[in-house]
C-alpha atoms as a PDB file:
ATOM      1  CA  UNK A   1       1.993  24.581 -89.788  1.00  0.00           C
ATOM      2  CA  UNK A   2       4.910  22.422 -88.680  1.00  0.00           C
ATOM      3  CA  UNK A   3       3.488  19.972 -86.146  1.00  0.00           C
ATOM      4  CA  UNK A   4       0.274  19.008 -84.371  1.00  0.00           C
ATOM      5  CA  UNK A   5      -0.213  17.986 -80.730  1.00  0.00           C
ATOM      6  CA  UNK A   6      -3.413  16.467 -79.343  1.00  0.00           C
ATOM      7  CA  UNK A   7      -4.087  17.367 -75.700  1.00  0.00           C
ATOM      8  CA  UNK A   8      -6.451  14.999 -73.891  1.00  0.00           C
ATOM      9  CA  UNK A   9      -7.933  16.107 -70.552  1.00  0.00           C
ATOM     10  CA  UNK A  10      -7.924  13.133 -68.175  1.00  0.00           C
ATOM     11  CA  UNK A  11      -8.674  12.056 -64.638  1.00  0.00           C
ATOM     12  CA  UNK A  12      -8.897   8.394 -63.588  1.00  0.00           C
ATOM     13  CA  UNK A  13     -11.126   7.055 -66.424  1.00  0.00           C
ATOM     14  CA  UNK A  14      -8.650   4.566 -67.875  1.00  0.00           C
ATOM     15  CA  UNK A  15     -11.286   2.658 -69.858  1.00  0.00           C
ATOM     16  CA  UNK A  16     -12.502   5.835 -71.541  1.00  0.00           C
ATOM     17  CA  UNK A  17      -8.937   6.944 -72.224  1.00  0.00           C
ATOM     18  CA  UNK A  18      -8.030   3.641 -73.855  1.00  0.00           C
ATOM     19  CA  UNK A  19     -11.077   3.887 -76.129  1.00  0.00           C
ATOM     20  CA  UNK A  20     -10.122   7.483 -77.000  1.00  0.00           C
ATOM     21  CA  UNK A  21      -6.565   6.440 -77.881  1.00  0.00           C
ATOM     22  CA  UNK A  22      -7.790   3.486 -79.941  1.00  0.00           C
ATOM     23  CA  UNK A  23      -9.841   5.911 -82.012  1.00  0.00           C
ATOM     24  CA  UNK A  24      -6.875   8.249 -82.406  1.00  0.00           C
ATOM     25  CA  UNK A  25      -4.792   5.334 -83.677  1.00  0.00           C
ATOM     26  CA  UNK A  26      -7.232   5.032 -86.605  1.00  0.00           C
ATOM     27  CA  UNK A  27      -6.910   8.678 -87.615  1.00  0.00           C
ATOM     28  CA  UNK A  28      -4.794   9.907 -90.481  1.00  0.00           C
ATOM     29  CA  UNK A  29      -1.310  10.451 -89.075  1.00  0.00           C
ATOM     30  CA  UNK A  30      -1.448  14.225 -89.298  1.00  0.00           C
ATOM     31  CA  UNK A  31      -0.343  14.657 -85.668  1.00  0.00           C
ATOM     32  CA  UNK A  32       2.940  13.963 -83.926  1.00  0.00           C
ATOM     33  CA  UNK A  33       1.995  13.297 -80.316  1.00  0.00           C
ATOM     34  CA  UNK A  34      -0.776  12.881 -77.759  1.00  0.00           C
ATOM     35  CA  UNK A  35      -0.369  14.683 -74.437  1.00  0.00           C
ATOM     36  CA  UNK A  36      -2.483  13.308 -71.590  1.00  0.00           C
ATOM     37  CA  UNK A  37      -3.218  16.296 -69.342  1.00  0.00           C
ATOM     38  CA  UNK A  38      -3.782  14.464 -66.069  1.00  0.00           C
ATOM     39  CA  UNK A  39      -5.418  16.335 -63.190  1.00  0.00           C
ATOM     40  CA  UNK A  40      -3.796  14.293 -60.444  1.00  0.00           C
ATOM     41  CA  UNK A  41      -4.867  10.693 -61.070  1.00  0.00           C
ATOM     42  CA  UNK A  42      -3.701   7.940 -58.730  1.00  0.00           C
ATOM     43  CA  UNK A  43      -0.529   5.886 -59.030  1.00  0.00           C
ATOM     44  CA  UNK A  44      -2.605   2.982 -60.366  1.00  0.00           C
ATOM     45  CA  UNK A  45      -3.875   5.120 -63.246  1.00  0.00           C
ATOM     46  CA  UNK A  46      -0.345   6.347 -63.943  1.00  0.00           C
ATOM     47  CA  UNK A  47       0.945   2.791 -64.137  1.00  0.00           C
ATOM     48  CA  UNK A  48      -1.908   1.822 -66.456  1.00  0.00           C
ATOM     49  CA  UNK A  49      -1.041   4.705 -68.805  1.00  0.00           C
ATOM     50  CA  UNK A  50       2.624   3.713 -68.788  1.00  0.00           C
ATOM     51  CA  UNK A  51       1.696   0.103 -69.545  1.00  0.00           C
ATOM     52  CA  UNK A  52      -0.461   0.913 -72.536  1.00  0.00           C
ATOM     53  CA  UNK A  53       1.698   3.699 -74.013  1.00  0.00           C
ATOM     54  CA  UNK A  54       3.599   1.206 -76.152  1.00  0.00           C
ATOM     55  CA  UNK A  55       0.404  -0.137 -77.712  1.00  0.00           C
ATOM     56  CA  UNK A  56      -0.103   2.925 -79.906  1.00  0.00           C
ATOM     57  CA  UNK A  57       1.774   4.129 -83.001  1.00  0.00           C
ATOM     58  CA  UNK A  58       2.324   7.667 -81.746  1.00  0.00           C
ATOM     59  CA  UNK A  59       4.206   9.370 -78.964  1.00  0.00           C
ATOM     60  CA  UNK A  60       2.285   9.612 -75.675  1.00  0.00           C
ATOM     61  CA  UNK A  61       3.312  12.163 -73.039  1.00  0.00           C
ATOM     62  CA  UNK A  62       1.800  11.879 -69.576  1.00  0.00           C
ATOM     63  CA  UNK A  63       1.633  15.433 -68.194  1.00  0.00           C
ATOM     64  CA  UNK A  64       0.602  14.917 -64.563  1.00  0.00           C
ATOM     65  CA  UNK A  65      -0.091  17.548 -61.915  1.00  0.00           C
ATOM     66  CA  UNK A  66      -0.807  17.168 -58.175  1.00  0.00           C
ATOM     67  CA  UNK A  67      -4.504  16.925 -57.371  1.00  0.00           C
ATOM     68  CA  UNK A  68      -4.348  19.752 -54.847  1.00  0.00           C
ATOM     69  CA  UNK A  69      -7.697  20.655 -53.304  1.00  0.00           C
ATOM     70  CA  UNK A  70      -9.806  19.204 -56.114  1.00  0.00           C
ATOM     71  CA  UNK A  71     -10.709  19.643 -59.766  1.00  0.00           C
ATOM     72  CA  UNK A  72      -8.256  21.938 -61.610  1.00  0.00           C
ATOM     73  CA  UNK A  73      -9.056  21.526 -65.288  1.00  0.00           C
ATOM     74  CA  UNK A  74      -7.649  24.919 -66.304  1.00  0.00           C
ATOM     75  CA  UNK A  75      -4.272  24.245 -64.693  1.00  0.00           C
ATOM     76  CA  UNK A  76      -4.192  20.694 -66.053  1.00  0.00           C
ATOM     77  CA  UNK A  77      -4.809  21.808 -69.644  1.00  0.00           C
ATOM     78  CA  UNK A  78      -2.154  24.502 -69.329  1.00  0.00           C
ATOM     79  CA  UNK A  79       0.208  21.824 -68.095  1.00  0.00           C
ATOM     80  CA  UNK A  80      -0.635  19.799 -71.198  1.00  0.00           C
ATOM     81  CA  UNK A  81       0.118  22.795 -73.423  1.00  0.00           C
ATOM     82  CA  UNK A  82       3.509  23.276 -71.786  1.00  0.00           C
ATOM     83  CA  UNK A  83       4.473  19.676 -72.462  1.00  0.00           C
ATOM     84  CA  UNK A  84       3.237  19.767 -76.058  1.00  0.00           C
ATOM     85  CA  UNK A  85       5.718  20.491 -78.845  1.00  0.00           C
ATOM     86  CA  UNK A  86       3.191  21.189 -81.611  1.00  0.00           C
ATOM     87  CA  UNK A  87       2.536  24.471 -83.380  1.00  0.00           C
ATOM     88  CA  UNK A  88      -1.140  23.501 -83.623  1.00  0.00           C
ATOM     89  CA  UNK A  89      -3.140  22.178 -80.660  1.00  0.00           C
ATOM     90  CA  UNK A  90      -6.230  19.957 -80.699  1.00  0.00           C
ATOM     91  CA  UNK A  91      -8.098  19.726 -77.394  1.00  0.00           C
ATOM     92  CA  UNK A  92     -10.149  16.640 -76.445  1.00  0.00           C
ATOM     93  CA  UNK A  93     -11.579  15.029 -73.331  1.00  0.00           C
ATOM     94  CA  UNK A  94     -10.737  11.420 -72.547  1.00  0.00           C
ATOM     95  CA  UNK A  95     -14.394  10.413 -72.893  1.00  0.00           C
ATOM     96  CA  UNK A  96     -14.499  11.303 -76.616  1.00  0.00           C
ATOM     97  CA  UNK A  97     -14.397   8.606 -79.299  1.00  0.00           C
ATOM     98  CA  UNK A  98     -13.493  10.297 -82.582  1.00  0.00           C
ATOM     99  CA  UNK A  99     -14.705   8.892 -85.861  1.00  0.00           C
ATOM    100  CA  UNK A 100     -12.347   8.489 -88.781  1.00  0.00           C
ATOM    101  CA  UNK A 101     -11.237  11.785 -90.309  1.00  0.00           C
ATOM    102  CA  UNK A 102     -11.980  13.949 -87.268  1.00  0.00           C
ATOM    103  CA  UNK A 103      -8.401  15.068 -86.598  1.00  0.00           C
ATOM    104  CA  UNK A 104      -7.822  15.635 -90.319  1.00  0.00           C
ATOM    105  CA  UNK A 105     -10.859  17.942 -90.299  1.00  0.00           C
ATOM    106  CA  UNK A 106      -9.253  20.000 -87.535  1.00  0.00           C
ATOM    107  CA  UNK A 107      -5.924  20.228 -89.356  1.00  0.00           C
ATOM    108  CA  UNK A 108      -7.462  20.904 -92.761  1.00  0.00           C
ATOM    109  CA  UNK A 109      -9.447  23.859 -91.417  1.00  0.00           C
ATOM    110  CA  UNK A 110      -6.633  25.387 -89.341  1.00  0.00           C
ATOM    111  CA  UNK A 111      -5.969  29.084 -89.842  1.00  0.00           C
ATOM    112  CA  UNK A 112      -4.020  31.565 -87.721  1.00  0.00           C
ATOM    113  CA  UNK A 113      -6.369  33.780 -85.757  1.00  0.00           C
ATOM    114  CA  UNK A 114      -9.172  31.230 -85.882  1.00  0.00           C
ATOM    115  CA  UNK A 115     -10.576  28.570 -83.553  1.00  0.00           C
ATOM    116  CA  UNK A 116     -11.975  25.380 -85.083  1.00  0.00           C
ATOM    117  CA  UNK A 117     -14.955  24.248 -83.023  1.00  0.00           C
ATOM    118  CA  UNK A 118     -16.530  20.789 -83.089  1.00  0.00           C
ATOM    119  CA  UNK A 119     -19.230  18.948 -81.173  1.00  0.00           C
ATOM    120  CA  UNK A 120     -20.292  15.451 -80.065  1.00  0.00           C
ATOM    121  CA  UNK A 121     -23.235  13.100 -80.072  1.00  0.00           C
ATOM    122  CA  UNK A 122     -23.949  11.482 -76.704  1.00  0.00           C
ATOM    123  CA  UNK A 123     -23.700   7.692 -76.642  1.00  0.00           C
ATOM    124  CA  UNK A 124     -25.986   5.862 -74.160  1.00  0.00           C
ATOM    125  CA  UNK A 125     -24.648   3.747 -71.315  1.00  0.00           C
ATOM    126  CA  UNK A 126     -25.147   0.303 -72.860  1.00  0.00           C
ATOM    127  CA  UNK A 127     -23.456   1.185 -76.152  1.00  0.00           C
ATOM    128  CA  UNK A 128     -20.628   2.917 -74.288  1.00  0.00           C
ATOM    129  CA  UNK A 129     -19.904  -0.252 -72.315  1.00  0.00           C
ATOM    130  CA  UNK A 130     -19.295  -2.119 -75.573  1.00  0.00           C
ATOM    131  CA  UNK A 131     -16.891   0.524 -76.839  1.00  0.00           C
ATOM    132  CA  UNK A 132     -14.894   0.519 -73.597  1.00  0.00           C
ATOM    133  CA  UNK A 133     -14.636  -3.252 -73.180  1.00  0.00           C
ATOM    134  CA  UNK A 134     -13.817  -3.740 -76.859  1.00  0.00           C
ATOM    135  CA  UNK A 135     -16.828  -5.891 -77.716  1.00  0.00           C
ATOM    136  CA  UNK A 136     -18.002  -3.140 -80.074  1.00  0.00           C
ATOM    137  CA  UNK A 137     -15.659  -3.023 -83.041  1.00  0.00           C
ATOM    138  CA  UNK A 138     -14.456   0.458 -83.908  1.00  0.00           C
ATOM    139  CA  UNK A 139     -15.862  -0.058 -87.400  1.00  0.00           C
ATOM    140  CA  UNK A 140     -19.278  -0.008 -85.727  1.00  0.00           C
ATOM    141  CA  UNK A 141     -18.790   3.527 -84.400  1.00  0.00           C
ATOM    142  CA  UNK A 142     -20.080   4.850 -87.700  1.00  0.00           C
ATOM    143  CA  UNK A 143     -23.310   2.905 -87.218  1.00  0.00           C
ATOM    144  CA  UNK A 144     -23.655   4.089 -83.621  1.00  0.00           C
ATOM    145  CA  UNK A 145     -23.097   7.695 -84.663  1.00  0.00           C
ATOM    146  CA  UNK A 146     -25.588   7.532 -87.535  1.00  0.00           C
ATOM    147  CA  UNK A 147     -28.225   5.953 -85.291  1.00  0.00           C
ATOM    148  CA  UNK A 148     -28.259   9.071 -83.100  1.00  0.00           C
ATOM    149  CA  UNK A 149     -30.209  12.151 -84.258  1.00  0.00           C
ATOM    150  CA  UNK A 150     -28.460  14.778 -86.394  1.00  0.00           C
ATOM    151  CA  UNK A 151     -30.628  17.645 -85.191  1.00  0.00           C
ATOM    152  CA  UNK A 152     -28.375  18.689 -82.258  1.00  0.00           C
ATOM    153  CA  UNK A 153     -25.347  18.658 -84.564  1.00  0.00           C
ATOM    154  CA  UNK A 154     -27.002  20.764 -87.250  1.00  0.00           C
ATOM    155  CA  UNK A 155     -28.393  23.158 -84.661  1.00  0.00           C
ATOM    156  CA  UNK A 156     -24.971  23.603 -83.024  1.00  0.00           C
ATOM    157  CA  UNK A 157     -23.355  24.171 -86.444  1.00  0.00           C
ATOM    158  CA  UNK A 158     -25.693  26.954 -87.535  1.00  0.00           C
ATOM    159  CA  UNK A 159     -25.793  28.537 -84.083  1.00  0.00           C
ATOM    160  CA  UNK A 160     -22.004  28.691 -83.988  1.00  0.00           C
ATOM    161  CA  UNK A 161     -21.838  30.360 -87.409  1.00  0.00           C
ATOM    162  CA  UNK A 162     -24.566  32.839 -86.492  1.00  0.00           C
ATOM    163  CA  UNK A 163     -22.969  33.749 -83.171  1.00  0.00           C
ATOM    164  CA  UNK A 164     -19.512  34.138 -84.705  1.00  0.00           C
ATOM    165  CA  UNK A 165     -20.706  36.651 -87.293  1.00  0.00           C
ATOM    166  CA  UNK A 166     -22.931  38.564 -84.897  1.00  0.00           C
ATOM    167  CA  UNK A 167     -20.094  38.877 -82.379  1.00  0.00           C
ATOM    168  CA  UNK A 168     -17.831  40.180 -85.129  1.00  0.00           C
ATOM    169  CA  UNK A 169     -20.283  42.969 -85.933  1.00  0.00           C
ATOM    170  CA  UNK A 170     -21.012  43.742 -82.278  1.00  0.00           C
ATOM    171  CA  UNK A 171     -24.573  42.427 -82.407  1.00  0.00           C
ATOM    172  CA  UNK A 172     -24.105  39.700 -79.787  1.00  0.00           C
ATOM    173  CA  UNK A 173     -22.095  39.392 -76.601  1.00  0.00           C
ATOM    174  CA  UNK A 174     -18.631  37.783 -76.866  1.00  0.00           C
ATOM    175  CA  UNK A 175     -19.905  35.370 -74.218  1.00  0.00           C
ATOM    176  CA  UNK A 176     -21.731  33.546 -77.017  1.00  0.00           C
ATOM    177  CA  UNK A 177     -18.449  32.414 -78.570  1.00  0.00           C
ATOM    178  CA  UNK A 178     -17.931  28.709 -77.990  1.00  0.00           C
ATOM    179  CA  UNK A 179     -14.998  26.326 -77.548  1.00  0.00           C
ATOM    180  CA  UNK A 180     -16.421  23.451 -75.507  1.00  0.00           C
ATOM    181  CA  UNK A 181     -16.407  19.828 -76.704  1.00  0.00           C
ATOM    182  CA  UNK A 182     -13.343  19.424 -78.942  1.00  0.00           C
ATOM    183  CA  UNK A 183     -11.665  22.399 -80.549  1.00  0.00           C
ATOM    184  CA  UNK A 184      -8.320  23.388 -82.031  1.00  0.00           C
ATOM    185  CA  UNK A 185      -6.192  26.475 -82.585  1.00  0.00           C
ATOM    186  CA  UNK A 186      -2.665  27.650 -83.291  1.00  0.00           C
ATOM    187  CA  UNK A 187      -0.402  27.576 -80.287  1.00  0.00           C
ATOM    188  CA  UNK A 188       0.617  31.187 -80.909  1.00  0.00           C
ATOM    189  CA  UNK A 189      -3.011  32.294 -80.499  1.00  0.00           C
ATOM    190  CA  UNK A 190      -3.364  30.331 -77.264  1.00  0.00           C
ATOM    191  CA  UNK A 191      -0.196  31.980 -75.980  1.00  0.00           C
ATOM    192  CA  UNK A 192      -1.630  35.411 -76.779  1.00  0.00           C
ATOM    193  CA  UNK A 193      -4.479  34.519 -74.401  1.00  0.00           C
ATOM    194  CA  UNK A 194      -1.979  33.160 -71.852  1.00  0.00           C
ATOM    195  CA  UNK A 195      -3.904  29.878 -71.956  1.00  0.00           C
ATOM    196  CA  UNK A 196      -6.620  28.890 -69.532  1.00  0.00           C
ATOM    197  CA  UNK A 197      -7.202  31.072 -66.488  1.00  0.00           C
ATOM    198  CA  UNK A 198      -6.030  29.075 -63.472  1.00  0.00           C
ATOM    199  CA  UNK A 199      -8.143  31.169 -61.126  1.00  0.00           C
ATOM    200  CA  UNK A 200     -10.834  28.618 -62.014  1.00  0.00           C
ATOM    201  CA  UNK A 201     -10.610  25.819 -59.465  1.00  0.00           C
ATOM    202  CA  UNK A 202     -13.413  23.371 -58.842  1.00  0.00           C
ATOM    203  CA  UNK A 203     -16.064  22.571 -61.391  1.00  0.00           C
ATOM    204  CA  UNK A 204     -17.071  24.758 -64.315  1.00  0.00           C
ATOM    205  CA  UNK A 205     -16.500  28.066 -66.020  1.00  0.00           C
ATOM    206  CA  UNK A 206     -12.991  27.710 -67.463  1.00  0.00           C
ATOM    207  CA  UNK A 207     -14.171  26.811 -70.996  1.00  0.00           C
ATOM    208  CA  UNK A 208     -16.738  29.610 -71.100  1.00  0.00           C
ATOM    209  CA  UNK A 209     -14.149  32.083 -69.852  1.00  0.00           C
ATOM    210  CA  UNK A 210     -11.617  30.990 -72.472  1.00  0.00           C
ATOM    211  CA  UNK A 211     -14.181  31.355 -75.263  1.00  0.00           C
ATOM    212  CA  UNK A 212     -15.144  34.828 -74.038  1.00  0.00           C
ATOM    213  CA  UNK A 213     -11.500  35.920 -74.020  1.00  0.00           C
ATOM    214  CA  UNK A 214     -10.994  34.420 -77.507  1.00  0.00           C
ATOM    215  CA  UNK A 215     -13.768  36.658 -78.806  1.00  0.00           C
ATOM    216  CA  UNK A 216     -12.338  39.688 -77.008  1.00  0.00           C
ATOM    217  CA  UNK A 217      -8.974  38.987 -78.645  1.00  0.00           C
ATOM    218  CA  UNK A 218     -10.720  39.051 -82.015  1.00  0.00           C
ATOM    219  CA  UNK A 219     -10.226  35.390 -82.936  1.00  0.00           C
ATOM    220  CA  UNK A 220     -12.550  34.113 -85.618  1.00  0.00           C
ATOM    221  CA  UNK A 221     -14.458  30.855 -85.455  1.00  0.00           C
ATOM    222  CA  UNK A 222     -14.676  27.996 -87.950  1.00  0.00           C
ATOM    223  CA  UNK A 223     -17.332  25.329 -87.499  1.00  0.00           C
ATOM    224  CA  UNK A 224     -16.189  21.774 -88.167  1.00  0.00           C
ATOM    225  CA  UNK A 225     -19.131  20.449 -86.174  1.00  0.00           C
ATOM    226  CA  UNK A 226     -20.439  18.363 -89.060  1.00  0.00           C
ATOM    227  CA  UNK A 227     -17.088  17.075 -90.308  1.00  0.00           C
ATOM    228  CA  UNK A 228     -15.053  16.387 -87.133  1.00  0.00           C
ATOM    229  CA  UNK A 229     -17.462  13.765 -85.815  1.00  0.00           C
ATOM    230  CA  UNK A 230     -17.179  12.338 -82.315  1.00  0.00           C
ATOM    231  CA  UNK A 231     -19.134  10.382 -79.731  1.00  0.00           C
ATOM    232  CA  UNK A 232     -19.222  11.346 -76.062  1.00  0.00           C
ATOM    233  CA  UNK A 233     -18.917   8.115 -74.103  1.00  0.00           C
ATOM    234  CA  UNK A 234     -21.366   7.787 -71.242  1.00  0.00           C
ATOM    235  CA  UNK A 235     -20.278   8.042 -67.616  1.00  0.00           C
ATOM    236  CA  UNK A 236     -22.103   8.971 -64.408  1.00  0.00           C
ATOM    237  CA  UNK A 237     -22.927  12.663 -64.242  1.00  0.00           C
ATOM    238  CA  UNK A 238     -20.702  14.664 -61.949  1.00  0.00           C
ATOM    239  CA  UNK A 239     -22.631  16.575 -59.299  1.00  0.00           C
ATOM    240  CA  UNK A 240     -20.486  19.623 -59.989  1.00  0.00           C
ATOM    241  CA  UNK A 241     -21.452  19.527 -63.647  1.00  0.00           C
ATOM    242  CA  UNK A 242     -25.084  20.187 -62.756  1.00  0.00           C
ATOM    243  CA  UNK A 243     -24.582  22.647 -59.932  1.00  0.00           C
ATOM    244  CA  UNK A 244     -21.366  24.516 -60.664  1.00  0.00           C
ATOM    245  CA  UNK A 245     -23.266  27.778 -61.026  1.00  0.00           C
ATOM    246  CA  UNK A 246     -23.889  27.593 -57.287  1.00  0.00           C
ATOM    247  CA  UNK A 247     -20.142  27.613 -56.664  1.00  0.00           C
ATOM    248  CA  UNK A 248     -17.461  30.269 -56.355  1.00  0.00           C
ATOM    249  CA  UNK A 249     -16.447  30.240 -60.032  1.00  0.00           C
ATOM    250  CA  UNK A 250     -19.565  32.080 -61.173  1.00  0.00           C
ATOM    251  CA  UNK A 251     -18.656  35.447 -59.703  1.00  0.00           C
ATOM    252  CA  UNK A 252     -15.192  35.265 -61.243  1.00  0.00           C
ATOM    253  CA  UNK A 253     -16.597  34.217 -64.625  1.00  0.00           C
ATOM    254  CA  UNK A 254     -18.882  37.259 -64.573  1.00  0.00           C
ATOM    255  CA  UNK A 255     -16.183  39.668 -63.421  1.00  0.00           C
ATOM    256  CA  UNK A 256     -16.273  43.148 -65.006  1.00  0.00           C
ATOM    257  CA  UNK A 257     -13.512  44.504 -67.263  1.00  0.00           C
ATOM    258  CA  UNK A 258     -12.318  41.069 -68.351  1.00  0.00           C
ATOM    259  CA  UNK A 259      -9.251  41.223 -70.598  1.00  0.00           C
ATOM    260  CA  UNK A 260      -8.354  38.814 -73.390  1.00  0.00           C
ATOM    261  CA  UNK A 261      -5.103  37.819 -71.692  1.00  0.00           C
ATOM    262  CA  UNK A 262      -5.481  36.314 -68.240  1.00  0.00           C
ATOM    263  CA  UNK A 263      -2.937  36.996 -65.521  1.00  0.00           C
ATOM    264  CA  UNK A 264      -2.680  33.537 -64.002  1.00  0.00           C
ATOM    265  CA  UNK A 265      -2.212  31.235 -66.966  1.00  0.00           C
ATOM    266  CA  UNK A 266       0.562  29.649 -69.014  1.00  0.00           C
ATOM    267  CA  UNK A 267       3.237  32.144 -68.026  1.00  0.00           C
ATOM    268  CA  UNK A 268       2.637  32.759 -64.320  1.00  0.00           C
ATOM    269  CA  UNK A 269       1.332  29.315 -63.365  1.00  0.00           C
ATOM    270  CA  UNK A 270       2.863  27.124 -60.676  1.00  0.00           C
ATOM    271  CA  UNK A 271       6.121  25.471 -61.659  1.00  0.00           C
ATOM    272  CA  UNK A 272       5.217  22.361 -59.650  1.00  0.00           C
ATOM    273  CA  UNK A 273       3.502  20.780 -62.665  1.00  0.00           C
ATOM    274  CA  UNK A 274       5.619  18.086 -64.205  1.00  0.00           C
ATOM    275  CA  UNK A 275       5.660  14.902 -66.181  1.00  0.00           C
ATOM    276  CA  UNK A 276       4.763  12.149 -63.732  1.00  0.00           C
ATOM    277  CA  UNK A 277       7.719   9.881 -62.948  1.00  0.00           C
END
């Protein structure tokens, strides 16, 4: 492995992004750059990112795309991949606060043909406010993490291992493969999939589709759920997050004869995406 890029999905939440970057600044320097995959944030958010870029000891690339007709997470993440220079890609959301050693856990476990999957504990609103405004010292993240129950983490870890093996032997549907929360993989494997499927517009389905296609490609899974620790910072629940299965993405997600490589992805995507001026 030559280089590592971290791709952070972002839209408008500057406070969450700053907290995410502060946590990344504490990680072992086993990565070369952070690419902010911005799904069309406003000029004010762009200026805020430009203003704080110099505060951090790593290269920050702002990969912005036009908002279009709404949420386009798949296209935004592909745009982030295109602007990344790394051979190995770590995918985060801007509302994740990683504990020390999380990125090193991704890099340490990296193998060609494998996806490293992690998970998060959910931080309540009051504690999140302290992390975002800086009144909670980052040294206290360990205490906040340990105060939350371990059961969901342990359950996710063993379920991931079980599903991965059962999929390999044809005993469980490839749909059970998982790459939500934060995950990482070699760029070459992502390119074999042609990235995220940009047919997904609006809320939901793109992560599940990507995981399904990973399994169809024959990628293995490595759980780093218990070692790559992270907190999900609270924010108001998006309506689409609860009701996306009522939308148009569901039929496409459940399409028959799905192939591992999508048609509308990294290669055939719109060339309008660019680094924001």
